[in-house]
């Protein structure tokens, strides 16, 4: 098994009690783009999208994008 990037947006938003729609309104990003990140269904990560989320939520890129072993949900942050 390899290592892959996983979106941690669901955990961040759930901890802050922020909905995807609320984040879309705060960031002016498309709901569907954020929904895919929230559900970890994104195939590519757009720099501007990740940057805007980090800016609005006051987090670092390593908070939203984490490394995991492919096929598991165990976090292997670096």
PDB file of N, CA and C in Angstrom:
ATOM      1  N   UNK A   1       0.835  -1.189   0.000  1.00  0.00           N
ATOM      2  CA  UNK A   1       0.000   0.000   0.000  1.00  0.00           C
ATOM      3  C   UNK A   1       0.876   1.247   0.000  1.00  0.00           C
ATOM      4  N   UNK A   2       0.368   2.301  -0.639  1.00  0.00           N
ATOM      5  CA  UNK A   2       1.079   3.564  -0.690  1.00  0.00           C
ATOM      6  C   UNK A   2       0.488   4.580   0.263  1.00  0.00           C
ATOM      7  N   UNK A   3       1.039   5.752   0.177  1.00  0.00           N
ATOM      8  CA  UNK A   3       0.546   6.864   0.989  1.00  0.00           C
ATOM      9  C   UNK A   3      -0.199   7.818   0.071  1.00  0.00           C
ATOM     10  N   UNK A   4      -1.295   8.382   0.570  1.00  0.00           N
ATOM     11  CA  UNK A   4      -2.059   9.336  -0.219  1.00  0.00           C
ATOM     12  C   UNK A   4      -2.439  10.543   0.642  1.00  0.00           C
ATOM     13  N   UNK A   5      -2.799  11.603  -0.053  1.00  0.00           N
ATOM     14  CA  UNK A   5      -3.265  12.819   0.620  1.00  0.00           C
ATOM     15  C   UNK A   5      -4.752  12.668   0.912  1.00  0.00           C
ATOM     16  N   UNK A   6      -5.157  13.086   2.099  1.00  0.00           N
ATOM     17  CA  UNK A   6      -6.567  13.032   2.514  1.00  0.00           C
ATOM     18  C   UNK A   6      -6.986  14.404   3.005  1.00  0.00           C
ATOM     19  N   UNK A   7      -8.181  14.809   2.625  1.00  0.00           N
ATOM     20  CA  UNK A   7      -8.734  16.061   3.128  1.00  0.00           C
ATOM     21  C   UNK A   7      -9.259  15.859   4.552  1.00  0.00           C
ATOM     22  N   UNK A   8      -8.878  16.759   5.423  1.00  0.00           N
ATOM     23  CA  UNK A   8      -9.301  16.726   6.820  1.00  0.00           C
ATOM     24  C   UNK A   8     -10.376  17.790   7.083  1.00  0.00           C
ATOM     25  N   UNK A   9     -10.993  18.307   6.005  1.00  0.00           N
ATOM     26  CA  UNK A   9     -11.954  19.395   6.140  1.00  0.00           C
ATOM     27  C   UNK A   9     -13.174  18.996   6.967  1.00  0.00           C
ATOM     28  N   UNK A  10     -13.656  17.781   6.816  1.00  0.00           N
ATOM     29  CA  UNK A  10     -14.829  17.326   7.577  1.00  0.00           C
ATOM     30  C   UNK A  10     -14.584  17.470   9.076  1.00  0.00           C
ATOM     31  N   UNK A  11     -13.452  16.969   9.536  1.00  0.00           N
ATOM     32  CA  UNK A  11     -13.129  17.029  10.964  1.00  0.00           C
ATOM     33  C   UNK A  11     -13.041  18.480  11.442  1.00  0.00           C
ATOM     34  N   UNK A  12     -12.391  19.328  10.644  1.00  0.00           N
ATOM     35  CA  UNK A  12     -12.231  20.732  11.021  1.00  0.00           C
ATOM     36  C   UNK A  12     -13.580  21.432  11.117  1.00  0.00           C
ATOM     37  N   UNK A  13     -14.410  21.269  10.091  1.00  0.00           N
ATOM     38  CA  UNK A  13     -15.718  21.929  10.108  1.00  0.00           C
ATOM     39  C   UNK A  13     -16.624  21.370  11.188  1.00  0.00           C
ATOM     40  N   UNK A  14     -16.613  20.055  11.379  1.00  0.00           N
ATOM     41  CA  UNK A  14     -17.449  19.445  12.423  1.00  0.00           C
ATOM     42  C   UNK A  14     -17.053  19.954  13.805  1.00  0.00           C
ATOM     43  N   UNK A  15     -15.743  20.080  14.055  1.00  0.00           N
ATOM     44  CA  UNK A  15     -15.269  20.574  15.356  1.00  0.00           C
ATOM     45  C   UNK A  15     -15.705  22.013  15.598  1.00  0.00           C
ATOM     46  N   UNK A  16     -15.810  22.776  14.524  1.00  0.00           N
ATOM     47  CA  UNK A  16     -16.181  24.195  14.638  1.00  0.00           C
ATOM     48  C   UNK A  16     -17.672  24.431  14.415  1.00  0.00           C
ATOM     49  N   UNK A  17     -18.398  23.359  14.172  1.00  0.00           N
ATOM     50  CA  UNK A  17     -19.839  23.456  13.928  1.00  0.00           C
ATOM     51  C   UNK A  17     -20.156  24.411  12.769  1.00  0.00           C
ATOM     52  N   UNK A  18     -19.376  24.262  11.679  1.00  0.00           N
ATOM     53  CA  UNK A  18     -19.568  25.056  10.471  1.00  0.00           C
ATOM     54  C   UNK A  18     -20.046  24.121   9.365  1.00  0.00           C
ATOM     55  N   UNK A  19     -21.098  24.506   8.661  1.00  0.00           N
ATOM     56  CA  UNK A  19     -21.603  23.691   7.559  1.00  0.00           C
ATOM     57  C   UNK A  19     -20.824  24.011   6.279  1.00  0.00           C
ATOM     58  N   UNK A  20     -20.960  23.143   5.302  1.00  0.00           N
ATOM     59  CA  UNK A  20     -20.330  23.385   4.008  1.00  0.00           C
ATOM     60  C   UNK A  20     -20.898  24.662   3.398  1.00  0.00           C
ATOM     61  N   UNK A  21     -22.198  24.855   3.499  1.00  0.00           N
ATOM     62  CA  UNK A  21     -22.833  26.069   2.958  1.00  0.00           C
ATOM     63  C   UNK A  21     -22.307  27.334   3.645  1.00  0.00           C
ATOM     64  N   UNK A  22     -22.112  27.258   4.960  1.00  0.00           N
ATOM     65  CA  UNK A  22     -21.566  28.407   5.674  1.00  0.00           C
ATOM     66  C   UNK A  22     -20.149  28.712   5.186  1.00  0.00           C
ATOM     67  N   UNK A  23     -19.336  27.679   5.011  1.00  0.00           N
ATOM     68  CA  UNK A  23     -17.972  27.884   4.533  1.00  0.00           C
ATOM     69  C   UNK A  23     -17.982  28.455   3.119  1.00  0.00           C
ATOM     70  N   UNK A  24     -18.887  27.972   2.276  1.00  0.00           N
ATOM     71  CA  UNK A  24     -18.997  28.500   0.914  1.00  0.00           C
ATOM     72  C   UNK A  24     -19.297  30.003   0.957  1.00  0.00           C
ATOM     73  N   UNK A  25     -20.176  30.403   1.837  1.00  0.00           N
ATOM     74  CA  UNK A  25     -20.521  31.809   1.979  1.00  0.00           C
ATOM     75  C   UNK A  25     -19.338  32.621   2.507  1.00  0.00           C
ATOM     76  N   UNK A  26     -18.606  32.072   3.438  1.00  0.00           N
ATOM     77  CA  UNK A  26     -17.455  32.766   4.034  1.00  0.00           C
ATOM     78  C   UNK A  26     -16.305  32.925   3.043  1.00  0.00           C
ATOM     79  N   UNK A  27     -16.151  31.977   2.139  1.00  0.00           N
ATOM     80  CA  UNK A  27     -14.991  31.941   1.243  1.00  0.00           C
ATOM     81  C   UNK A  27     -15.289  32.368  -0.184  1.00  0.00           C
ATOM     82  N   UNK A  28     -16.549  32.447  -0.557  1.00  0.00           N
ATOM     83  CA  UNK A  28     -16.954  32.683  -1.947  1.00  0.00           C
ATOM     84  C   UNK A  28     -16.500  31.559  -2.875  1.00  0.00           C
ATOM     85  N   UNK A  29     -16.320  30.358  -2.324  1.00  0.00           N
ATOM     86  CA  UNK A  29     -15.988  29.175  -3.119  1.00  0.00           C
ATOM     87  C   UNK A  29     -17.274  28.404  -3.408  1.00  0.00           C
ATOM     88  N   UNK A  30     -17.257  27.621  -4.454  1.00  0.00           N
ATOM     89  CA  UNK A  30     -18.437  26.862  -4.844  1.00  0.00           C
ATOM     90  C   UNK A  30     -18.733  25.762  -3.827  1.00  0.00           C
ATOM     91  N   UNK A  31     -20.029  25.609  -3.526  1.00  0.00           N
ATOM     92  CA  UNK A  31     -20.473  24.575  -2.596  1.00  0.00           C
ATOM     93  C   UNK A  31     -19.963  23.198  -3.023  1.00  0.00           C
ATOM     94  N   UNK A  32     -20.096  22.889  -4.307  1.00  0.00           N
ATOM     95  CA  UNK A  32     -19.715  21.560  -4.799  1.00  0.00           C
ATOM     96  C   UNK A  32     -18.221  21.300  -4.605  1.00  0.00           C
ATOM     97  N   UNK A  33     -17.398  22.290  -4.802  1.00  0.00           N
ATOM     98  CA  UNK A  33     -15.955  22.157  -4.577  1.00  0.00           C
ATOM     99  C   UNK A  33     -15.688  21.826  -3.116  1.00  0.00           C
ATOM    100  N   UNK A  34     -16.344  22.543  -2.223  1.00  0.00           N
ATOM    101  CA  UNK A  34     -16.163  22.308  -0.790  1.00  0.00           C
ATOM    102  C   UNK A  34     -16.757  20.973  -0.358  1.00  0.00           C
ATOM    103  N   UNK A  35     -17.872  20.590  -0.961  1.00  0.00           N
ATOM    104  CA  UNK A  35     -18.484  19.298  -0.627  1.00  0.00           C
ATOM    105  C   UNK A  35     -17.529  18.159  -0.969  1.00  0.00           C
ATOM    106  N   UNK A  36     -16.882  18.257  -2.119  1.00  0.00           N
ATOM    107  CA  UNK A  36     -15.926  17.205  -2.503  1.00  0.00           C
ATOM    108  C   UNK A  36     -14.745  17.152  -1.537  1.00  0.00           C
ATOM    109  N   UNK A  37     -14.269  18.308  -1.122  1.00  0.00           N
ATOM    110  CA  UNK A  37     -13.180  18.331  -0.134  1.00  0.00           C
ATOM    111  C   UNK A  37     -13.652  17.761   1.200  1.00  0.00           C
ATOM    112  N   UNK A  38     -14.843  18.141   1.615  1.00  0.00           N
ATOM    113  CA  UNK A  38     -15.423  17.680   2.880  1.00  0.00           C
ATOM    114  C   UNK A  38     -15.542  16.155   2.889  1.00  0.00           C
ATOM    115  N   UNK A  39     -15.977  15.591   1.767  1.00  0.00           N
ATOM    116  CA  UNK A  39     -16.168  14.136   1.669  1.00  0.00           C
ATOM    117  C   UNK A  39     -14.929  13.391   1.188  1.00  0.00           C
ATOM    118  N   UNK A  40     -13.828  14.103   1.030  1.00  0.00           N
ATOM    119  CA  UNK A  40     -12.560  13.535   0.560  1.00  0.00           C
ATOM    120  C   UNK A  40     -12.736  12.851  -0.792  1.00  0.00           C
ATOM    121  N   UNK A  41     -13.487  13.493  -1.684  1.00  0.00           N
ATOM    122  CA  UNK A  41     -13.724  12.980  -3.032  1.00  0.00           C
ATOM    123  C   UNK A  41     -12.971  13.774  -4.094  1.00  0.00           C
ATOM    124  N   UNK A  42     -12.102  14.675  -3.676  1.00  0.00           N
ATOM    125  CA  UNK A  42     -11.384  15.528  -4.613  1.00  0.00           C
ATOM    126  C   UNK A  42     -10.237  14.763  -5.257  1.00  0.00           C
ATOM    127  N   UNK A  43     -10.140  14.881  -6.570  1.00  0.00           N
ATOM    128  CA  UNK A  43      -9.046  14.232  -7.314  1.00  0.00           C
ATOM    129  C   UNK A  43      -7.820  15.131  -7.379  1.00  0.00           C
ATOM    130  N   UNK A  44      -8.057  16.450  -7.458  1.00  0.00           N
ATOM    131  CA  UNK A  44      -6.983  17.435  -7.513  1.00  0.00           C
ATOM    132  C   UNK A  44      -7.277  18.538  -6.509  1.00  0.00           C
ATOM    133  N   UNK A  45      -6.223  19.085  -5.947  1.00  0.00           N
ATOM    134  CA  UNK A  45      -6.365  20.163  -4.982  1.00  0.00           C
ATOM    135  C   UNK A  45      -5.903  21.462  -5.624  1.00  0.00           C
ATOM    136  N   UNK A  46      -6.825  22.400  -5.778  1.00  0.00           N
ATOM    137  CA  UNK A  46      -6.490  23.697  -6.357  1.00  0.00           C
ATOM    138  C   UNK A  46      -5.822  24.571  -5.293  1.00  0.00           C
ATOM    139  N   UNK A  47      -4.680  25.140  -5.644  1.00  0.00           N
ATOM    140  CA  UNK A  47      -3.923  25.957  -4.698  1.00  0.00           C
ATOM    141  C   UNK A  47      -4.747  27.109  -4.146  1.00  0.00           C
ATOM    142  N   UNK A  48      -5.487  27.791  -5.023  1.00  0.00           N
ATOM    143  CA  UNK A  48      -6.270  28.936  -4.581  1.00  0.00           C
ATOM    144  C   UNK A  48      -7.370  28.521  -3.605  1.00  0.00           C
ATOM    145  N   UNK A  49      -7.980  27.373  -3.859  1.00  0.00           N
ATOM    146  CA  UNK A  49      -9.054  26.871  -2.989  1.00  0.00           C
ATOM    147  C   UNK A  49      -8.498  26.551  -1.609  1.00  0.00           C
ATOM    148  N   UNK A  50      -7.415  25.788  -1.561  1.00  0.00           N
ATOM    149  CA  UNK A  50      -6.812  25.415  -0.277  1.00  0.00           C
ATOM    150  C   UNK A  50      -6.328  26.663   0.458  1.00  0.00           C
ATOM    151  N   UNK A  51      -5.717  27.567  -0.272  1.00  0.00           N
ATOM    152  CA  UNK A  51      -5.230  28.807   0.331  1.00  0.00           C
ATOM    153  C   UNK A  51      -6.345  29.627   0.951  1.00  0.00           C
ATOM    154  N   UNK A  52      -7.461  29.742   0.249  1.00  0.00           N
ATOM    155  CA  UNK A  52      -8.599  30.525   0.754  1.00  0.00           C
ATOM    156  C   UNK A  52      -9.200  29.885   2.003  1.00  0.00           C
ATOM    157  N   UNK A  53      -9.332  28.566   1.992  1.00  0.00           N
ATOM    158  CA  UNK A  53      -9.863  27.862   3.167  1.00  0.00           C
ATOM    159  C   UNK A  53      -8.941  28.073   4.365  1.00  0.00           C
ATOM    160  N   UNK A  54      -7.640  27.922   4.147  1.00  0.00           N
ATOM    161  CA  UNK A  54      -6.673  28.117   5.237  1.00  0.00           C
ATOM    162  C   UNK A  54      -6.741  29.537   5.783  1.00  0.00           C
ATOM    163  N   UNK A  55      -6.864  30.505   4.881  1.00  0.00           N
ATOM    164  CA  UNK A  55      -6.939  31.903   5.288  1.00  0.00           C
ATOM    165  C   UNK A  55      -8.180  32.165   6.138  1.00  0.00           C
ATOM    166  N   UNK A  56      -9.337  31.728   5.669  1.00  0.00           N
ATOM    167  CA  UNK A  56     -10.598  31.996   6.371  1.00  0.00           C
ATOM    168  C   UNK A  56     -10.679  31.247   7.704  1.00  0.00           C
ATOM    169  N   UNK A  57     -10.241  29.988   7.721  1.00  0.00           N
ATOM    170  CA  UNK A  57     -10.331  29.186   8.945  1.00  0.00           C
ATOM    171  C   UNK A  57      -9.123  29.369   9.864  1.00  0.00           C
ATOM    172  N   UNK A  58      -8.133  30.143   9.387  1.00  0.00           N
ATOM    173  CA  UNK A  58      -6.909  30.401  10.153  1.00  0.00           C
ATOM    174  C   UNK A  58      -6.228  29.096  10.551  1.00  0.00           C
ATOM    175  N   UNK A  59      -5.985  28.268   9.531  1.00  0.00           N
ATOM    176  CA  UNK A  59      -5.310  26.999   9.719  1.00  0.00           C
ATOM    177  C   UNK A  59      -4.132  26.911   8.755  1.00  0.00           C
ATOM    178  N   UNK A  60      -3.288  25.933   8.972  1.00  0.00           N
ATOM    179  CA  UNK A  60      -2.148  25.684   8.087  1.00  0.00           C
ATOM    180  C   UNK A  60      -2.529  24.599   7.089  1.00  0.00           C
ATOM    181  N   UNK A  61      -1.803  24.546   5.993  1.00  0.00           N
ATOM    182  CA  UNK A  61      -2.086  23.552   4.960  1.00  0.00           C
ATOM    183  C   UNK A  61      -2.007  22.132   5.521  1.00  0.00           C
ATOM    184  N   UNK A  62      -1.115  21.902   6.469  1.00  0.00           N
ATOM    185  CA  UNK A  62      -0.981  20.585   7.090  1.00  0.00           C
ATOM    186  C   UNK A  62      -2.154  20.201   7.973  1.00  0.00           C
ATOM    187  N   UNK A  63      -2.993  21.173   8.301  1.00  0.00           N
ATOM    188  CA  UNK A  63      -4.202  20.878   9.074  1.00  0.00           C
ATOM    189  C   UNK A  63      -5.298  20.322   8.178  1.00  0.00           C
ATOM    190  N   UNK A  64      -5.356  20.812   6.953  1.00  0.00           N
ATOM    191  CA  UNK A  64      -6.440  20.409   6.047  1.00  0.00           C
ATOM    192  C   UNK A  64      -6.057  19.233   5.164  1.00  0.00           C
ATOM    193  N   UNK A  65      -4.800  19.136   4.768  1.00  0.00           N
ATOM    194  CA  UNK A  65      -4.338  18.022   3.937  1.00  0.00           C
ATOM    195  C   UNK A  65      -3.365  17.185   4.744  1.00  0.00           C
ATOM    196  N   UNK A  66      -3.727  15.933   4.963  1.00  0.00           N
ATOM    197  CA  UNK A  66      -2.900  15.030   5.758  1.00  0.00           C
ATOM    198  C   UNK A  66      -2.523  13.810   4.918  1.00  0.00           C
ATOM    199  N   UNK A  67      -1.495  13.105   5.342  1.00  0.00           N
ATOM    200  CA  UNK A  67      -1.064  11.886   4.660  1.00  0.00           C
ATOM    201  C   UNK A  67      -1.558  10.667   5.421  1.00  0.00           C
ATOM    202  N   UNK A  68      -2.124   9.722   4.682  1.00  0.00           N
ATOM    203  CA  UNK A  68      -2.557   8.457   5.273  1.00  0.00           C
ATOM    204  C   UNK A  68      -2.086   7.323   4.382  1.00  0.00           C
ATOM    205  N   UNK A  69      -2.020   6.130   4.949  1.00  0.00           N
ATOM    206  CA  UNK A  69      -1.748   4.952   4.130  1.00  0.00           C
ATOM    207  C   UNK A  69      -2.985   4.671   3.296  1.00  0.00           C
ATOM    208  N   UNK A  70      -2.780   4.457   2.006  1.00  0.00           N
ATOM    209  CA  UNK A  70      -3.888   4.192   1.100  1.00  0.00           C
ATOM    210  C   UNK A  70      -4.667   2.974   1.582  1.00  0.00           C
ATOM    211  N   UNK A  71      -5.978   3.119   1.662  1.00  0.00           N
ATOM    212  CA  UNK A  71      -6.830   2.017   2.102  1.00  0.00           C
ATOM    213  C   UNK A  71      -7.135   2.024   3.578  1.00  0.00           C
ATOM    214  N   UNK A  72      -6.604   3.010   4.324  1.00  0.00           N
ATOM    215  CA  UNK A  72      -6.883   3.103   5.744  1.00  0.00           C
ATOM    216  C   UNK A  72      -7.344   4.515   6.077  1.00  0.00           C
ATOM    217  N   UNK A  73      -7.865   4.702   7.242  1.00  0.00           N
ATOM    218  CA  UNK A  73      -8.231   6.016   7.717  1.00  0.00           C
ATOM    219  C   UNK A  73      -7.265   6.482   8.805  1.00  0.00           C
ATOM    220  N   UNK A  74      -6.236   5.709   9.061  1.00  0.00           N
ATOM    221  CA  UNK A  74      -5.259   6.076  10.076  1.00  0.00           C
ATOM    222  C   UNK A  74      -4.413   7.239   9.574  1.00  0.00           C
ATOM    223  N   UNK A  75      -4.235   8.254  10.410  1.00  0.00           N
ATOM    224  CA  UNK A  75      -3.484   9.445  10.023  1.00  0.00           C
ATOM    225  C   UNK A  75      -1.997   9.211  10.190  1.00  0.00           C
ATOM    226  N   UNK A  76      -1.240   9.599   9.181  1.00  0.00           N
ATOM    227  CA  UNK A  76       0.224   9.591   9.232  1.00  0.00           C
ATOM    228  C   UNK A  76       0.685  10.964   8.816  1.00  0.00           C
ATOM    229  N   UNK A  77       0.506  11.929   9.713  1.00  0.00           N
ATOM    230  CA  UNK A  77       0.861  13.303   9.371  1.00  0.00           C
ATOM    231  C   UNK A  77       2.358  13.461   9.313  1.00  0.00           C
ATOM    232  N   UNK A  78       2.772  14.340   8.397  1.00  0.00           N
ATOM    233  CA  UNK A  78       4.194  14.682   8.330  1.00  0.00           C
ATOM    234  C   UNK A  78       4.360  16.170   8.206  1.00  0.00           C
TER     235      UNK A  78
END
